[in-house]
Amino acid sequence: MSGRLVKLWHSKHRRVVGTAGAILGVALLLGIALLGWSGARLHSAAIALQIEQQGLADVALIEQELAALHAELPRREARLRALQAGGFLEAADRVAWAEAVVTSADALRPISYSAAIGAPQWLPLPDTLAERYEAQGLNAPALHATDLVLRVQGLHEDELVRLMDVALAAGGGVTRIEQCRLLRRADDIGLDVECTLRRFGLGKPPGGAGADAMEPAS
């Protein structure tokens, strides 16, 4: 092949061969340039497609989160209404709480019982909640806790469960069992029990008491 080209180059067709070579070279360069341009277009299209797909995925994720929140909203609203109805935004009615616990304990006929309720203790909100109020320019309410120490002698397990259910329900707000000590009696008449229940709520300290007056719940 190269021999024929040499002969043509030295023949009278030299100009034609040169022209053809030049055209071929230009065509080759144009082909390379076209391939590069096509590759760049494909790369840009691939990036654009990837961005679009990521955007669609983000939108789908947001829609899923909104759907989950929408489905969760009725439960949260019901919980909020229950907390408000239970006095979470009010101070504990310590007299009513003690009377309900004493009445329930008396009906079980234990050997002895007592219910002692302390004064409300004012606590700061957790930092995350306090920051939310501050970000919205609102004064954060204070968290208050009220303890009830219940001591009962001579209760069986099922009776103790019923008494704890009454004490938790009567506390209102958010009431939970902080600790319990149970001892089985040597005379086999049930259990001796000492439990601390803590009732939480939101509000403002009386008399404008500030953070200096707040004490941690024991």
Protein backbone atom coordinates (compact mmCIF):
# COMPACT_ATOMS: atom_id res chain seq x y z
CA MET A 1 0.00 0.00 0.00
CA SER A 2 2.79 2.39 0.95
CA GLY A 3 4.62 1.51 -2.30
CA ARG A 4 1.65 2.56 -4.40
CA LEU A 5 1.39 5.82 -2.50
CA VAL A 6 5.09 6.53 -3.15
CA LYS A 7 4.64 5.84 -6.85
CA LEU A 8 1.57 8.07 -7.01
CA TRP A 9 3.46 10.78 -5.14
CA HIS A 10 6.24 10.78 -7.72
CA SER A 11 3.86 10.57 -10.65
CA LYS A 12 1.92 13.28 -12.43
CA HIS A 13 -0.94 12.68 -9.92
CA ARG A 14 1.10 14.12 -7.08
CA ARG A 15 -1.20 17.16 -6.68
CA VAL A 16 -4.27 14.94 -6.51
CA VAL A 17 -2.59 12.70 -3.95
CA GLY A 18 -1.64 15.75 -1.86
CA THR A 19 -5.14 17.13 -2.03
CA ALA A 20 -6.62 13.78 -1.12
CA GLY A 21 -4.20 13.46 1.81
CA ALA A 22 -5.07 16.92 3.04
CA ILE A 23 -8.79 16.18 2.82
CA LEU A 24 -8.25 12.89 4.62
CA GLY A 25 -6.28 14.63 7.38
CA VAL A 26 -8.91 17.30 7.82
CA ALA A 27 -11.63 14.64 7.90
CA LEU A 28 -9.68 12.71 10.54
CA LEU A 29 -9.27 15.83 12.65
CA LEU A 30 -12.93 16.65 12.27
CA GLY A 31 -13.84 13.10 13.28
CA ILE A 32 -11.67 13.30 16.40
CA ALA A 33 -13.17 16.69 17.27
CA LEU A 34 -16.68 15.32 16.72
CA LEU A 35 -15.96 12.32 18.95
CA GLY A 36 -14.65 14.65 21.68
CA TRP A 37 -17.68 16.91 21.38
CA SER A 38 -20.03 13.90 21.50
CA GLY A 39 -18.22 12.55 24.55
CA ALA A 40 -18.53 15.90 26.31
CA ARG A 41 -22.22 16.05 25.46
CA LEU A 42 -22.75 12.52 26.78
CA HIS A 43 -20.86 13.36 29.97
CA SER A 44 -22.93 16.52 30.50
CA ALA A 45 -26.12 14.58 29.80
CA ALA A 46 -25.07 11.88 32.28
CA ILE A 47 -24.39 14.51 34.97
CA ALA A 48 -27.71 16.22 34.27
CA LEU A 49 -29.52 12.87 34.48
CA GLN A 50 -27.79 12.05 37.75
CA ILE A 51 -28.76 15.44 39.20
CA GLU A 52 -32.35 14.98 38.06
CA GLN A 53 -32.53 11.48 39.53
CA GLN A 54 -31.10 12.74 42.84
CA GLY A 55 -33.66 15.55 42.85
CA LEU A 56 -36.48 13.07 42.24
CA ALA A 57 -35.15 10.85 45.03
CA ASP A 58 -35.02 13.84 47.40
CA VAL A 59 -38.57 14.80 46.49
CA ALA A 60 -39.73 11.21 47.04
CA LEU A 61 -38.02 11.14 50.44
CA ILE A 62 -39.63 14.43 51.46
CA GLU A 63 -43.03 13.11 50.34
CA GLN A 64 -42.50 9.97 52.43
CA GLU A 65 -41.57 12.05 55.48
CA LEU A 66 -44.61 14.29 55.00
CA ALA A 67 -46.85 11.24 54.63
CA ALA A 68 -45.39 9.75 57.82
CA LEU A 69 -45.93 13.04 59.68
CA HIS A 70 -49.47 13.29 58.33
CA ALA A 71 -50.21 9.77 59.51
CA GLU A 72 -48.60 10.49 62.89
CA LEU A 73 -50.37 13.82 63.40
CA PRO A 74 -53.70 12.44 64.74
CA ARG A 75 -51.86 10.37 67.35
CA ARG A 76 -49.75 13.36 68.40
CA GLU A 77 -52.81 15.59 68.61
CA ALA A 78 -54.62 12.99 70.73
CA ARG A 79 -51.59 12.74 73.02
CA LEU A 80 -51.43 16.54 73.35
CA ARG A 81 -55.14 16.74 74.22
CA ALA A 82 -54.70 13.97 76.79
CA LEU A 83 -51.75 15.78 78.37
CA GLN A 84 -53.70 19.03 78.54
CA ALA A 85 -56.73 17.25 79.99
CA GLY A 86 -54.47 15.55 82.52
CA GLY A 87 -53.14 18.87 83.75
CA PHE A 88 -49.65 18.76 82.24
CA LEU A 89 -49.72 22.55 81.94
CA GLU A 90 -50.88 22.99 85.53
CA ALA A 91 -49.42 22.47 88.97
CA ALA A 92 -50.08 19.10 90.58
CA ASP A 93 -53.23 18.81 92.69
CA ARG A 94 -51.34 17.24 95.56
CA VAL A 95 -54.37 16.88 97.83
CA ALA A 96 -56.44 15.05 95.22
CA TRP A 97 -53.48 12.85 94.30
CA ALA A 98 -52.85 11.84 97.93
CA GLU A 99 -56.56 11.23 98.59
CA ALA A 100 -56.90 8.99 95.53
CA VAL A 101 -53.87 6.92 96.52
CA VAL A 102 -54.93 6.66 100.18
CA THR A 103 -58.49 5.69 99.25
CA SER A 104 -57.25 2.98 96.91
CA ALA A 105 -54.75 1.66 99.46
CA ASP A 106 -57.37 1.62 102.21
CA ALA A 107 -59.70 -0.46 100.04
CA LEU A 108 -57.01 -3.15 99.72
CA ARG A 109 -56.77 -3.54 103.53
CA PRO A 110 -52.98 -3.74 103.89
CA ILE A 111 -51.29 -3.99 107.28
CA SER A 112 -50.27 -0.33 107.04
CA TYR A 113 -49.81 2.38 104.42
CA SER A 114 -48.76 5.99 103.97
CA ALA A 115 -48.50 8.48 101.10
CA ALA A 116 -46.22 11.51 101.44
CA ILE A 117 -46.15 14.21 98.74
CA GLY A 118 -43.35 16.77 98.50
CA ALA A 119 -43.45 20.32 97.23
CA PRO A 120 -43.02 20.97 93.48
CA GLN A 121 -39.40 21.23 92.39
CA TRP A 122 -38.65 23.51 89.44
CA LEU A 123 -36.25 22.28 86.80
CA PRO A 124 -34.84 23.83 83.60
CA LEU A 125 -35.98 22.43 80.29
CA PRO A 126 -33.58 20.20 78.36
CA ASP A 127 -31.18 22.26 76.24
CA THR A 128 -32.71 21.16 72.93
CA LEU A 129 -36.19 22.33 73.92
CA ALA A 130 -34.90 25.55 75.45
CA GLU A 131 -33.06 26.34 72.21
CA ARG A 132 -36.28 25.88 70.21
CA TYR A 133 -38.08 28.43 72.35
CA GLU A 134 -35.14 30.82 72.16
CA ALA A 135 -34.95 30.49 68.36
CA GLN A 136 -38.58 31.62 68.14
CA GLY A 137 -38.12 34.48 70.59
CA LEU A 138 -40.28 32.82 73.27
CA ASN A 139 -39.73 32.47 76.99
CA ALA A 140 -39.30 28.79 77.78
CA PRO A 141 -41.59 27.42 80.51
CA ALA A 142 -40.07 25.61 83.46
CA LEU A 143 -40.42 21.91 84.10
CA HIS A 144 -41.75 21.05 87.55
CA ALA A 145 -41.66 17.69 89.31
CA THR A 146 -43.65 16.53 92.32
CA ASP A 147 -42.75 13.35 94.21
CA LEU A 148 -45.09 10.99 96.04
CA VAL A 149 -43.52 8.40 98.34
CA LEU A 150 -45.83 5.46 98.90
CA ARG A 151 -45.20 2.94 101.67
CA VAL A 152 -47.40 -0.12 102.03
CA GLN A 153 -47.04 -3.25 104.15
CA GLY A 154 -48.74 -6.55 103.39
CA LEU A 155 -49.87 -6.32 99.76
CA HIS A 156 -49.97 -9.14 97.23
CA GLU A 157 -48.51 -8.64 93.73
CA ASP A 158 -51.85 -8.16 91.95
CA GLU A 159 -52.98 -5.68 94.62
CA LEU A 160 -49.74 -3.74 94.25
CA VAL A 161 -50.25 -3.52 90.47
CA ARG A 162 -53.78 -2.13 90.97
CA LEU A 163 -52.55 0.40 93.50
CA MET A 164 -49.75 1.58 91.19
CA ASP A 165 -52.22 1.96 88.32
CA VAL A 166 -54.42 4.19 90.47
CA ALA A 167 -51.45 6.23 91.71
CA LEU A 168 -50.12 6.80 88.18
CA ALA A 169 -53.54 7.77 86.79
CA ALA A 170 -54.32 10.09 89.71
CA GLY A 171 -51.03 11.92 89.36
CA GLY A 172 -52.01 13.51 86.07
CA GLY A 173 -49.55 15.30 83.82
CA VAL A 174 -46.79 12.80 83.06
CA THR A 175 -46.41 10.50 86.07
CA ARG A 176 -43.96 7.64 86.27
CA ILE A 177 -42.47 5.30 88.83
CA GLU A 178 -38.96 6.47 89.66
CA GLN A 179 -37.99 3.62 91.95
CA CYS A 180 -39.51 0.84 94.01
CA ARG A 181 -38.20 -1.36 96.80
CA LEU A 182 -40.10 -4.59 97.39
CA LEU A 183 -39.47 -6.96 100.30
CA ARG A 184 -41.28 -10.25 100.77
CA ARG A 185 -42.51 -10.56 104.33
CA ALA A 186 -41.30 -13.35 106.58
CA ASP A 187 -44.88 -14.03 107.69
CA ASP A 188 -45.83 -14.65 104.03
CA ILE A 189 -48.48 -11.90 104.07
CA GLY A 190 -47.62 -10.32 100.74
CA LEU A 191 -44.96 -7.65 100.24
CA ASP A 192 -43.65 -4.57 101.98
CA VAL A 193 -43.30 -1.82 99.38
CA GLU A 194 -41.73 1.62 99.20
CA CYS A 195 -42.13 3.40 95.83
CA THR A 196 -41.37 6.92 94.65
CA LEU A 197 -43.66 8.27 91.94
CA ARG A 198 -42.78 11.49 90.13
CA ARG A 199 -45.28 13.74 88.39
CA PHE A 200 -43.98 16.13 85.70
CA GLY A 201 -45.64 19.24 84.26
CA LEU A 202 -44.86 22.56 82.56
CA GLY A 203 -45.50 25.99 83.97
CA LYS A 204 -43.98 29.07 85.56
CA PRO A 205 -42.45 29.11 89.05
CA PRO A 206 -44.72 30.92 91.54
CA GLY A 207 -43.71 34.46 92.41
CA GLY A 208 -41.44 34.75 89.36
CA ALA A 209 -38.81 32.46 90.84
CA GLY A 210 -35.86 32.14 88.52
CA ALA A 211 -33.19 29.61 87.84
CA ASP A 212 -31.50 30.29 91.19
CA ALA A 213 -34.57 28.92 92.96
CA MET A 214 -34.66 25.72 90.93
CA GLU A 215 -33.52 22.52 92.56
CA PRO A 216 -32.96 19.11 90.98
CA ALA A 217 -35.50 16.50 91.89
CA SER A 218 -34.10 14.01 94.38
